[in-house]
Amino acid sequence: MTYHFSTVTADERRVADRDEVHYRARAFGPDARPHTLLVVNLSPHGLMARCDADFAEGDRLRIMLPVVGVAVAEIRWCLGGRMGVNFETAIDLASYYELLAQLMKK
């Protein structure tokens, strides 16, 4: 499928659909201070989360996730306590499905 990015919304440019989850993750911001994220959806390429911290677009986070360990991510957007991030390195599919299974158990 080919998209012309000038006419496609940000949601349509996603590489993969997101799976809905409800998971509290520990994250470390640019200043290395710990924060709690409520991850609400996830894909092998990124996630959306809620957080009370005041992050900015372009900030980098280290997010602790079961199965995969530390996922380094860049904040792509922030709005009203929500943020969307892209992982620096995509999660391989085998690990991703194992991660989803772990998150669904909780």
PDB file of N, CA and C in Angstrom:
ATOM      1  N   MET A   1       0.847  -1.165   0.000  1.00  0.00           N
ATOM      2  CA  MET A   1       0.000   0.000   0.000  1.00  0.00           C
ATOM      3  C   MET A   1       0.897   1.234   0.000  1.00  0.00           C
ATOM      4  N   THR A   2       0.630   2.186  -0.859  1.00  0.00           N
ATOM      5  CA  THR A   2       1.416   3.398  -0.948  1.00  0.00           C
ATOM      6  C   THR A   2       0.581   4.574  -0.478  1.00  0.00           C
ATOM      7  N   TYR A   3       1.159   5.388   0.406  1.00  0.00           N
ATOM      8  CA  TYR A   3       0.484   6.585   0.884  1.00  0.00           C
ATOM      9  C   TYR A   3       1.217   7.812   0.383  1.00  0.00           C
ATOM     10  N   HIS A   4       0.474   8.843   0.127  1.00  0.00           N
ATOM     11  CA  HIS A   4       1.049  10.153  -0.145  1.00  0.00           C
ATOM     12  C   HIS A   4       0.905  10.915   1.155  1.00  0.00           C
ATOM     13  N   PHE A   5       2.011  11.122   1.864  1.00  0.00           N
ATOM     14  CA  PHE A   5       1.963  11.645   3.212  1.00  0.00           C
ATOM     15  C   PHE A   5       1.321  13.015   3.323  1.00  0.00           C
ATOM     16  N   SER A   6       1.314  13.790   2.288  1.00  0.00           N
ATOM     17  CA  SER A   6       0.711  15.115   2.373  1.00  0.00           C
ATOM     18  C   SER A   6      -0.803  15.050   2.551  1.00  0.00           C
ATOM     19  N   THR A   7      -1.424  13.924   2.187  1.00  0.00           N
ATOM     20  CA  THR A   7      -2.877  13.817   2.284  1.00  0.00           C
ATOM     21  C   THR A   7      -3.319  12.774   3.298  1.00  0.00           C
ATOM     22  N   VAL A   8      -2.396  12.236   4.081  1.00  0.00           N
ATOM     23  CA  VAL A   8      -2.706  11.175   5.024  1.00  0.00           C
ATOM     24  C   VAL A   8      -2.510  11.700   6.434  1.00  0.00           C
ATOM     25  N   THR A   9      -3.457  11.378   7.318  1.00  0.00           N
ATOM     26  CA  THR A   9      -3.335  11.824   8.706  1.00  0.00           C
ATOM     27  C   THR A   9      -2.265  11.018   9.425  1.00  0.00           C
ATOM     28  N   ALA A  10      -1.835  11.512  10.589  1.00  0.00           N
ATOM     29  CA  ALA A  10      -0.802  10.835  11.378  1.00  0.00           C
ATOM     30  C   ALA A  10      -1.231   9.414  11.732  1.00  0.00           C
ATOM     31  N   ASP A  11      -2.503   9.219  12.084  1.00  0.00           N
ATOM     32  CA  ASP A  11      -2.975   7.879  12.439  1.00  0.00           C
ATOM     33  C   ASP A  11      -2.856   6.912  11.269  1.00  0.00           C
ATOM     34  N   GLU A  12      -3.089   7.386  10.059  1.00  0.00           N
ATOM     35  CA  GLU A  12      -3.030   6.522   8.888  1.00  0.00           C
ATOM     36  C   GLU A  12      -1.594   6.196   8.492  1.00  0.00           C
ATOM     37  N   ARG A  13      -0.615   6.986   8.961  1.00  0.00           N
ATOM     38  CA  ARG A  13       0.780   6.751   8.627  1.00  0.00           C
ATOM     39  C   ARG A  13       1.412   5.689   9.516  1.00  0.00           C
ATOM     40  N   ARG A  14       0.710   5.220  10.512  1.00  0.00           N
ATOM     41  CA  ARG A  14       1.277   4.205  11.383  1.00  0.00           C
ATOM     42  C   ARG A  14       1.685   2.998  10.565  1.00  0.00           C
ATOM     43  N   VAL A  15       2.797   2.438  10.957  1.00  0.00           N
ATOM     44  CA  VAL A  15       3.304   1.259  10.278  1.00  0.00           C
ATOM     45  C   VAL A  15       2.444   0.042  10.619  1.00  0.00           C
ATOM     46  N   ALA A  16       1.938  -0.008  11.852  1.00  0.00           N
ATOM     47  CA  ALA A  16       1.140  -1.163  12.290  1.00  0.00           C
ATOM     48  C   ALA A  16      -0.020  -0.686  13.138  1.00  0.00           C
ATOM     49  N   ASP A  17      -1.108  -1.456  13.137  1.00  0.00           N
ATOM     50  CA  ASP A  17      -2.226  -1.159  14.013  1.00  0.00           C
ATOM     51  C   ASP A  17      -1.774  -1.308  15.456  1.00  0.00           C
ATOM     52  N   ARG A  18      -2.466  -0.644  16.349  1.00  0.00           N
ATOM     53  CA  ARG A  18      -2.146  -0.722  17.772  1.00  0.00           C
ATOM     54  C   ARG A  18      -3.110  -1.685  18.459  1.00  0.00           C
ATOM     55  N   ASP A  19      -2.584  -2.380  19.476  1.00  0.00           N
ATOM     56  CA  ASP A  19      -3.394  -3.260  20.311  1.00  0.00           C
ATOM     57  C   ASP A  19      -3.701  -2.527  21.607  1.00  0.00           C
ATOM     58  N   GLU A  20      -4.964  -2.561  22.034  1.00  0.00           N
ATOM     59  CA  GLU A  20      -5.347  -1.894  23.273  1.00  0.00           C
ATOM     60  C   GLU A  20      -4.865  -2.707  24.464  1.00  0.00           C
ATOM     61  N   VAL A  21      -4.248  -2.009  25.409  1.00  0.00           N
ATOM     62  CA  VAL A  21      -3.765  -2.619  26.645  1.00  0.00           C
ATOM     63  C   VAL A  21      -4.041  -1.639  27.781  1.00  0.00           C
ATOM     64  N   HIS A  22      -3.808  -2.071  28.991  1.00  0.00           N
ATOM     65  CA  HIS A  22      -3.913  -1.216  30.180  1.00  0.00           C
ATOM     66  C   HIS A  22      -2.793  -1.671  31.093  1.00  0.00           C
ATOM     67  N   TYR A  23      -1.643  -0.983  31.000  1.00  0.00           N
ATOM     68  CA  TYR A  23      -0.463  -1.439  31.714  1.00  0.00           C
ATOM     69  C   TYR A  23       0.307  -0.251  32.289  1.00  0.00           C
ATOM     70  N   ARG A  24       0.624  -0.337  33.562  1.00  0.00           N
ATOM     71  CA  ARG A  24       1.449   0.696  34.201  1.00  0.00           C
ATOM     72  C   ARG A  24       2.911   0.318  34.026  1.00  0.00           C
ATOM     73  N   ALA A  25       3.635   1.190  33.351  1.00  0.00           N
ATOM     74  CA  ALA A  25       5.055   0.947  33.074  1.00  0.00           C
ATOM     75  C   ALA A  25       5.904   2.019  33.738  1.00  0.00           C
ATOM     76  N   ARG A  26       7.097   1.653  34.127  1.00  0.00           N
ATOM     77  CA  ARG A  26       8.083   2.600  34.658  1.00  0.00           C
ATOM     78  C   ARG A  26       8.855   3.148  33.469  1.00  0.00           C
ATOM     79  N   ALA A  27       9.062   4.451  33.461  1.00  0.00           N
ATOM     80  CA  ALA A  27       9.828   5.087  32.398  1.00  0.00           C
ATOM     81  C   ALA A  27      10.799   6.081  33.018  1.00  0.00           C
ATOM     82  N   PHE A  28      11.871   6.331  32.309  1.00  0.00           N
ATOM     83  CA  PHE A  28      12.859   7.307  32.734  1.00  0.00           C
ATOM     84  C   PHE A  28      12.974   8.360  31.642  1.00  0.00           C
ATOM     85  N   GLY A  29      12.776   9.625  32.034  1.00  0.00           N
ATOM     86  CA  GLY A  29      12.786  10.725  31.089  1.00  0.00           C
ATOM     87  C   GLY A  29      14.190  11.201  30.773  1.00  0.00           C
ATOM     88  N   PRO A  30      14.280  12.309  30.047  1.00  0.00           N
ATOM     89  CA  PRO A  30      15.577  12.850  29.636  1.00  0.00           C
ATOM     90  C   PRO A  30      16.474  13.202  30.824  1.00  0.00           C
ATOM     91  N   ASP A  31      15.865  13.523  31.958  1.00  0.00           N
ATOM     92  CA  ASP A  31      16.636  13.867  33.158  1.00  0.00           C
ATOM     93  C   ASP A  31      16.920  12.646  34.030  1.00  0.00           C
ATOM     94  N   ALA A  32      16.576  11.456  33.557  1.00  0.00           N
ATOM     95  CA  ALA A  32      16.789  10.167  34.233  1.00  0.00           C
ATOM     96  C   ALA A  32      15.909   9.973  35.461  1.00  0.00           C
ATOM     97  N   ARG A  33      14.947  10.866  35.689  1.00  0.00           N
ATOM     98  CA  ARG A  33      14.019  10.668  36.805  1.00  0.00           C
ATOM     99  C   ARG A  33      12.957   9.646  36.418  1.00  0.00           C
ATOM    100  N   PRO A  34      12.515   8.812  37.382  1.00  0.00           N
ATOM    101  CA  PRO A  34      11.487   7.813  37.075  1.00  0.00           C
ATOM    102  C   PRO A  34      10.089   8.435  36.984  1.00  0.00           C
ATOM    103  N   HIS A  35       9.289   7.879  36.107  1.00  0.00           N
ATOM    104  CA  HIS A  35       7.895   8.294  35.913  1.00  0.00           C
ATOM    105  C   HIS A  35       7.062   7.039  35.707  1.00  0.00           C
ATOM    106  N   THR A  36       5.778   7.158  35.974  1.00  0.00           N
ATOM    107  CA  THR A  36       4.855   6.062  35.695  1.00  0.00           C
ATOM    108  C   THR A  36       4.017   6.425  34.479  1.00  0.00           C
ATOM    109  N   LEU A  37       3.970   5.501  33.525  1.00  0.00           N
ATOM    110  CA  LEU A  37       3.132   5.663  32.329  1.00  0.00           C
ATOM    111  C   LEU A  37       1.991   4.664  32.403  1.00  0.00           C
ATOM    112  N   LEU A  38       0.821   5.068  31.987  1.00  0.00           N
ATOM    113  CA  LEU A  38      -0.273   4.126  31.784  1.00  0.00           C
ATOM    114  C   LEU A  38      -0.345   3.893  30.282  1.00  0.00           C
ATOM    115  N   VAL A  39       0.162   2.746  29.845  1.00  0.00           N
ATOM    116  CA  VAL A  39       0.178   2.403  28.419  1.00  0.00           C
ATOM    117  C   VAL A  39      -1.232   1.981  28.030  1.00  0.00           C
ATOM    118  N   VAL A  40      -1.813   2.658  27.020  1.00  0.00           N
ATOM    119  CA  VAL A  40      -3.181   2.363  26.610  1.00  0.00           C
ATOM    120  C   VAL A  40      -3.263   1.656  25.260  1.00  0.00           C
ATOM    121  N   ASN A  41      -2.239   1.814  24.426  1.00  0.00           N
ATOM    122  CA  ASN A  41      -2.176   0.994  23.217  1.00  0.00           C
ATOM    123  C   ASN A  41      -0.723   0.828  22.809  1.00  0.00           C
ATOM    124  N   LEU A  42      -0.497  -0.205  22.014  1.00  0.00           N
ATOM    125  CA  LEU A  42       0.865  -0.649  21.754  1.00  0.00           C
ATOM    126  C   LEU A  42       0.947  -1.295  20.379  1.00  0.00           C
ATOM    127  N   SER A  43       2.098  -1.140  19.740  1.00  0.00           N
ATOM    128  CA  SER A  43       2.418  -1.867  18.512  1.00  0.00           C
ATOM    129  C   SER A  43       3.900  -2.205  18.587  1.00  0.00           C
ATOM    130  N   PRO A  44       4.418  -2.992  17.653  1.00  0.00           N
ATOM    131  CA  PRO A  44       5.858  -3.261  17.669  1.00  0.00           C
ATOM    132  C   PRO A  44       6.697  -1.998  17.455  1.00  0.00           C
ATOM    133  N   HIS A  45       6.079  -0.920  16.983  1.00  0.00           N
ATOM    134  CA  HIS A  45       6.814   0.297  16.631  1.00  0.00           C
ATOM    135  C   HIS A  45       6.638   1.450  17.605  1.00  0.00           C
ATOM    136  N   GLY A  46       5.678   1.346  18.523  1.00  0.00           N
ATOM    137  CA  GLY A  46       5.458   2.448  19.454  1.00  0.00           C
ATOM    138  C   GLY A  46       4.262   2.211  20.340  1.00  0.00           C
ATOM    139  N   LEU A  47       3.910   3.256  21.093  1.00  0.00           N
ATOM    140  CA  LEU A  47       2.781   3.142  22.005  1.00  0.00           C
ATOM    141  C   LEU A  47       2.189   4.511  22.276  1.00  0.00           C
ATOM    142  N   MET A  48       0.992   4.483  22.869  1.00  0.00           N
ATOM    143  CA  MET A  48       0.379   5.689  23.399  1.00  0.00           C
ATOM    144  C   MET A  48       0.203   5.461  24.887  1.00  0.00           C
ATOM    145  N   ALA A  49       0.486   6.509  25.680  1.00  0.00           N
ATOM    146  CA  ALA A  49       0.388   6.388  27.126  1.00  0.00           C
ATOM    147  C   ALA A  49      -0.140   7.675  27.730  1.00  0.00           C
ATOM    148  N   ARG A  50      -0.611   7.554  28.947  1.00  0.00           N
ATOM    149  CA  ARG A  50      -0.988   8.715  29.751  1.00  0.00           C
ATOM    150  C   ARG A  50       0.095   8.906  30.794  1.00  0.00           C
ATOM    151  N   CYS A  51       0.404  10.169  31.096  1.00  0.00           N
ATOM    152  CA  CYS A  51       1.436  10.470  32.074  1.00  0.00           C
ATOM    153  C   CYS A  51       1.231  11.883  32.591  1.00  0.00           C
ATOM    154  N   ASP A  52       1.467  12.085  33.892  1.00  0.00           N
ATOM    155  CA  ASP A  52       1.325  13.414  34.493  1.00  0.00           C
ATOM    156  C   ASP A  52       2.552  14.294  34.267  1.00  0.00           C
ATOM    157  N   ALA A  53       3.663  13.717  33.853  1.00  0.00           N
ATOM    158  CA  ALA A  53       4.895  14.490  33.664  1.00  0.00           C
ATOM    159  C   ALA A  53       4.759  15.431  32.469  1.00  0.00           C
ATOM    160  N   ASP A  54       5.550  16.472  32.488  1.00  0.00           N
ATOM    161  CA  ASP A  54       5.510  17.476  31.429  1.00  0.00           C
ATOM    162  C   ASP A  54       6.632  17.215  30.425  1.00  0.00           C
ATOM    163  N   PHE A  55       6.382  16.314  29.477  1.00  0.00           N
ATOM    164  CA  PHE A  55       7.360  15.999  28.448  1.00  0.00           C
ATOM    165  C   PHE A  55       7.081  16.831  27.207  1.00  0.00           C
ATOM    166  N   ALA A  56       8.055  16.877  26.319  1.00  0.00           N
ATOM    167  CA  ALA A  56       7.910  17.625  25.068  1.00  0.00           C
ATOM    168  C   ALA A  56       8.172  16.711  23.878  1.00  0.00           C
ATOM    169  N   GLU A  57       7.620  17.077  22.754  1.00  0.00           N
ATOM    170  CA  GLU A  57       7.874  16.366  21.509  1.00  0.00           C
ATOM    171  C   GLU A  57       9.386  16.315  21.282  1.00  0.00           C
ATOM    172  N   GLY A  58       9.898  15.147  20.941  1.00  0.00           N
ATOM    173  CA  GLY A  58      11.331  14.976  20.704  1.00  0.00           C
ATOM    174  C   GLY A  58      12.092  14.454  21.913  1.00  0.00           C
ATOM    175  N   ASP A  59      11.483  14.541  23.116  1.00  0.00           N
ATOM    176  CA  ASP A  59      12.140  13.972  24.300  1.00  0.00           C
ATOM    177  C   ASP A  59      12.294  12.467  24.117  1.00  0.00           C
ATOM    178  N   ARG A  60      13.343  11.930  24.726  1.00  0.00           N
ATOM    179  CA  ARG A  60      13.586  10.491  24.647  1.00  0.00           C
ATOM    180  C   ARG A  60      13.306   9.874  26.009  1.00  0.00           C
ATOM    181  N   LEU A  61      12.674   8.710  25.985  1.00  0.00           N
ATOM    182  CA  LEU A  61      12.338   7.964  27.197  1.00  0.00           C
ATOM    183  C   LEU A  61      12.945   6.578  27.134  1.00  0.00           C
ATOM    184  N   ARG A  62      13.218   6.021  28.301  1.00  0.00           N
ATOM    185  CA  ARG A  62      13.542   4.601  28.427  1.00  0.00           C
ATOM    186  C   ARG A  62      12.367   3.986  29.158  1.00  0.00           C
ATOM    187  N   ILE A  63      11.636   3.101  28.498  1.00  0.00           N
ATOM    188  CA  ILE A  63      10.417   2.513  29.038  1.00  0.00           C
ATOM    189  C   ILE A  63      10.686   1.050  29.370  1.00  0.00           C
ATOM    190  N   MET A  64      10.390   0.664  30.618  1.00  0.00           N
ATOM    191  CA  MET A  64      10.582  -0.713  31.060  1.00  0.00           C
ATOM    192  C   MET A  64       9.334  -1.524  30.696  1.00  0.00           C
ATOM    193  N   LEU A  65       9.536  -2.575  29.911  1.00  0.00           N
ATOM    194  CA  LEU A  65       8.426  -3.433  29.491  1.00  0.00           C
ATOM    195  C   LEU A  65       8.765  -4.893  29.767  1.00  0.00           C
ATOM    196  N   PRO A  66       7.762  -5.694  30.162  1.00  0.00           N
ATOM    197  CA  PRO A  66       8.019  -7.124  30.329  1.00  0.00           C
ATOM    198  C   PRO A  66       8.514  -7.722  29.013  1.00  0.00           C
ATOM    199  N   VAL A  67       9.222  -8.784  29.084  1.00  0.00           N
ATOM    200  CA  VAL A  67       9.736  -9.554  27.946  1.00  0.00           C
ATOM    201  C   VAL A  67      10.867  -8.819  27.226  1.00  0.00           C
ATOM    202  N   VAL A  68      10.643  -7.564  26.802  1.00  0.00           N
ATOM    203  CA  VAL A  68      11.635  -6.859  25.993  1.00  0.00           C
ATOM    204  C   VAL A  68      12.627  -6.049  26.824  1.00  0.00           C
ATOM    205  N   GLY A  69      12.328  -5.789  28.088  1.00  0.00           N
ATOM    206  CA  GLY A  69      13.227  -5.003  28.931  1.00  0.00           C
ATOM    207  C   GLY A  69      13.074  -3.518  28.655  1.00  0.00           C
ATOM    208  N   VAL A  70      14.181  -2.842  28.417  1.00  0.00           N
ATOM    209  CA  VAL A  70      14.167  -1.387  28.196  1.00  0.00           C
ATOM    210  C   VAL A  70      13.926  -1.095  26.717  1.00  0.00           C
ATOM    211  N   ALA A  71      12.881  -0.315  26.459  1.00  0.00           N
ATOM    212  CA  ALA A  71      12.601   0.146  25.096  1.00  0.00           C
ATOM    213  C   ALA A  71      12.905   1.643  25.046  1.00  0.00           C
ATOM    214  N   VAL A  72      13.852   2.029  24.227  1.00  0.00           N
ATOM    215  CA  VAL A  72      14.174   3.448  24.053  1.00  0.00           C
ATOM    216  C   VAL A  72      13.191   4.006  23.034  1.00  0.00           C
ATOM    217  N   ALA A  73      12.589   5.163  23.376  1.00  0.00           N
ATOM    218  CA  ALA A  73      11.547   5.720  22.515  1.00  0.00           C
ATOM    219  C   ALA A  73      11.666   7.232  22.434  1.00  0.00           C
ATOM    220  N   GLU A  74      11.175   7.776  21.327  1.00  0.00           N
ATOM    221  CA  GLU A  74      11.117   9.232  21.143  1.00  0.00           C
ATOM    222  C   GLU A  74       9.662   9.663  21.167  1.00  0.00           C
ATOM    223  N   ILE A  75       9.378  10.706  21.920  1.00  0.00           N
ATOM    224  CA  ILE A  75       8.024  11.238  21.976  1.00  0.00           C
ATOM    225  C   ILE A  75       7.736  11.967  20.669  1.00  0.00           C
ATOM    226  N   ARG A  76       6.671  11.539  19.997  1.00  0.00           N
ATOM    227  CA  ARG A  76       6.287  12.142  18.707  1.00  0.00           C
ATOM    228  C   ARG A  76       5.237  13.228  18.884  1.00  0.00           C
ATOM    229  N   TRP A  77       4.391  13.088  19.925  1.00  0.00           N
ATOM    230  CA  TRP A  77       3.381  14.101  20.202  1.00  0.00           C
ATOM    231  C   TRP A  77       2.955  14.006  21.663  1.00  0.00           C
ATOM    232  N   CYS A  78       2.513  15.126  22.218  1.00  0.00           N
ATOM    233  CA  CYS A  78       1.980  15.212  23.583  1.00  0.00           C
ATOM    234  C   CYS A  78       0.734  16.092  23.537  1.00  0.00           C
ATOM    235  N   LEU A  79      -0.309  15.660  24.240  1.00  0.00           N
ATOM    236  CA  LEU A  79      -1.534  16.447  24.262  1.00  0.00           C
ATOM    237  C   LEU A  79      -2.369  16.046  25.469  1.00  0.00           C
ATOM    238  N   GLY A  80      -2.610  16.972  26.365  1.00  0.00           N
ATOM    239  CA  GLY A  80      -3.521  16.751  27.485  1.00  0.00           C
ATOM    240  C   GLY A  80      -3.200  15.540  28.339  1.00  0.00           C
ATOM    241  N   GLY A  81      -1.942  15.342  28.687  1.00  0.00           N
ATOM    242  CA  GLY A  81      -1.570  14.204  29.524  1.00  0.00           C
ATOM    243  C   GLY A  81      -1.389  12.898  28.765  1.00  0.00           C
ATOM    244  N   ARG A  82      -1.525  12.935  27.445  1.00  0.00           N
ATOM    245  CA  ARG A  82      -1.304  11.751  26.618  1.00  0.00           C
ATOM    246  C   ARG A  82      -0.081  11.989  25.754  1.00  0.00           C
ATOM    247  N   MET A  83       0.561  10.899  25.367  1.00  0.00           N
ATOM    248  CA  MET A  83       1.715  11.013  24.472  1.00  0.00           C
ATOM    249  C   MET A  83       1.770   9.799  23.555  1.00  0.00           C
ATOM    250  N   GLY A  84       2.313  10.035  22.371  1.00  0.00           N
ATOM    251  CA  GLY A  84       2.585   8.960  21.428  1.00  0.00           C
ATOM    252  C   GLY A  84       4.083   8.877  21.235  1.00  0.00           C
ATOM    253  N   VAL A  85       4.619   7.664  21.291  1.00  0.00           N
ATOM    254  CA  VAL A  85       6.062   7.487  21.131  1.00  0.00           C
ATOM    255  C   VAL A  85       6.358   6.448  20.066  1.00  0.00           C
ATOM    256  N   ASN A  86       7.510   6.598  19.423  1.00  0.00           N
ATOM    257  CA  ASN A  86       8.036   5.603  18.486  1.00  0.00           C
ATOM    258  C   ASN A  86       9.253   4.976  19.131  1.00  0.00           C
ATOM    259  N   PHE A  87       9.332   3.647  19.077  1.00  0.00           N
ATOM    260  CA  PHE A  87      10.502   2.960  19.602  1.00  0.00           C
ATOM    261  C   PHE A  87      11.690   3.179  18.676  1.00  0.00           C
ATOM    262  N   GLU A  88      12.860   3.332  19.276  1.00  0.00           N
ATOM    263  CA  GLU A  88      14.092   3.480  18.491  1.00  0.00           C
ATOM    264  C   GLU A  88      14.322   2.243  17.632  1.00  0.00           C
ATOM    265  N   THR A  89      14.059   1.074  18.216  1.00  0.00           N
ATOM    266  CA  THR A  89      14.175  -0.194  17.506  1.00  0.00           C
ATOM    267  C   THR A  89      12.861  -0.943  17.676  1.00  0.00           C
ATOM    268  N   ALA A  90      12.259  -1.350  16.574  1.00  0.00           N
ATOM    269  CA  ALA A  90      10.992  -2.078  16.648  1.00  0.00           C
ATOM    270  C   ALA A  90      11.166  -3.387  17.422  1.00  0.00           C
ATOM    271  N   ILE A  91      10.114  -3.789  18.104  1.00  0.00           N
ATOM    272  CA  ILE A  91      10.103  -5.059  18.830  1.00  0.00           C
ATOM    273  C   ILE A  91       9.853  -6.175  17.814  1.00  0.00           C
ATOM    274  N   ASP A  92      10.698  -7.210  17.830  1.00  0.00           N
ATOM    275  CA  ASP A  92      10.476  -8.319  16.890  1.00  0.00           C
ATOM    276  C   ASP A  92       9.132  -8.977  17.206  1.00  0.00           C
ATOM    277  N   LEU A  93       8.493  -9.545  16.193  1.00  0.00           N
ATOM    278  CA  LEU A  93       7.120 -10.038  16.348  1.00  0.00           C
ATOM    279  C   LEU A  93       6.973 -11.134  17.391  1.00  0.00           C
ATOM    280  N   ALA A  94       7.930 -12.051  17.491  1.00  0.00           N
ATOM    281  CA  ALA A  94       7.836 -13.113  18.500  1.00  0.00           C
ATOM    282  C   ALA A  94       7.818 -12.501  19.898  1.00  0.00           C
ATOM    283  N   SER A  95       8.719 -11.560  20.151  1.00  0.00           N
ATOM    284  CA  SER A  95       8.762 -10.896  21.460  1.00  0.00           C
ATOM    285  C   SER A  95       7.520 -10.045  21.675  1.00  0.00           C
ATOM    286  N   TYR A  96       7.034  -9.404  20.609  1.00  0.00           N
ATOM    287  CA  TYR A  96       5.845  -8.563  20.725  1.00  0.00           C
ATOM    288  C   TYR A  96       4.633  -9.387  21.170  1.00  0.00           C
ATOM    289  N   TYR A  97       4.426 -10.540  20.538  1.00  0.00           N
ATOM    290  CA  TYR A  97       3.269 -11.362  20.907  1.00  0.00           C
ATOM    291  C   TYR A  97       3.413 -11.920  22.318  1.00  0.00           C
ATOM    292  N   GLU A  98       4.630 -12.229  22.725  1.00  0.00           N
ATOM    293  CA  GLU A  98       4.861 -12.666  24.100  1.00  0.00           C
ATOM    294  C   GLU A  98       4.588 -11.511  25.069  1.00  0.00           C
ATOM    295  N   LEU A  99       5.009 -10.302  24.710  1.00  0.00           N
ATOM    296  CA  LEU A  99       4.739  -9.117  25.515  1.00  0.00           C
ATOM    297  C   LEU A  99       3.237  -8.903  25.654  1.00  0.00           C
ATOM    298  N   LEU A 100       2.496  -8.968  24.552  1.00  0.00           N
ATOM    299  CA  LEU A 100       1.044  -8.813  24.608  1.00  0.00           C
ATOM    300  C   LEU A 100       0.410  -9.843  25.533  1.00  0.00           C
ATOM    301  N   ALA A 101       0.854 -11.075  25.438  1.00  0.00           N
ATOM    302  CA  ALA A 101       0.316 -12.137  26.305  1.00  0.00           C
ATOM    303  C   ALA A 101       0.554 -11.800  27.766  1.00  0.00           C
ATOM    304  N   GLN A 102       1.738 -11.297  28.091  1.00  0.00           N
ATOM    305  CA  GLN A 102       2.050 -10.911  29.474  1.00  0.00           C
ATOM    306  C   GLN A 102       1.159  -9.750  29.925  1.00  0.00           C
ATOM    307  N   LEU A 103       0.960  -8.759  29.085  1.00  0.00           N
ATOM    308  CA  LEU A 103       0.175  -7.595  29.456  1.00  0.00           C
ATOM    309  C   LEU A 103      -1.301  -7.950  29.621  1.00  0.00           C
ATOM    310  N   MET A 104      -1.792  -8.908  28.839  1.00  0.00           N
ATOM    311  CA  MET A 104      -3.195  -9.308  28.923  1.00  0.00           C
ATOM    312  C   MET A 104      -3.473 -10.112  30.188  1.00  0.00           C
ATOM    313  N   LYS A 105      -2.442 -10.770  30.737  1.00  0.00           N
ATOM    314  CA  LYS A 105      -2.616 -11.562  31.958  1.00  0.00           C
ATOM    315  C   LYS A 105      -2.827 -10.682  33.187  1.00  0.00           C
ATOM    316  N   LYS A 106      -2.283  -9.493  33.156  1.00  0.00           N
ATOM    317  CA  LYS A 106      -2.274  -8.633  34.354  1.00  0.00           C
ATOM    318  C   LYS A 106      -3.582  -7.937  34.574  1.00  0.00           C
TER     319      LYS A 106
END
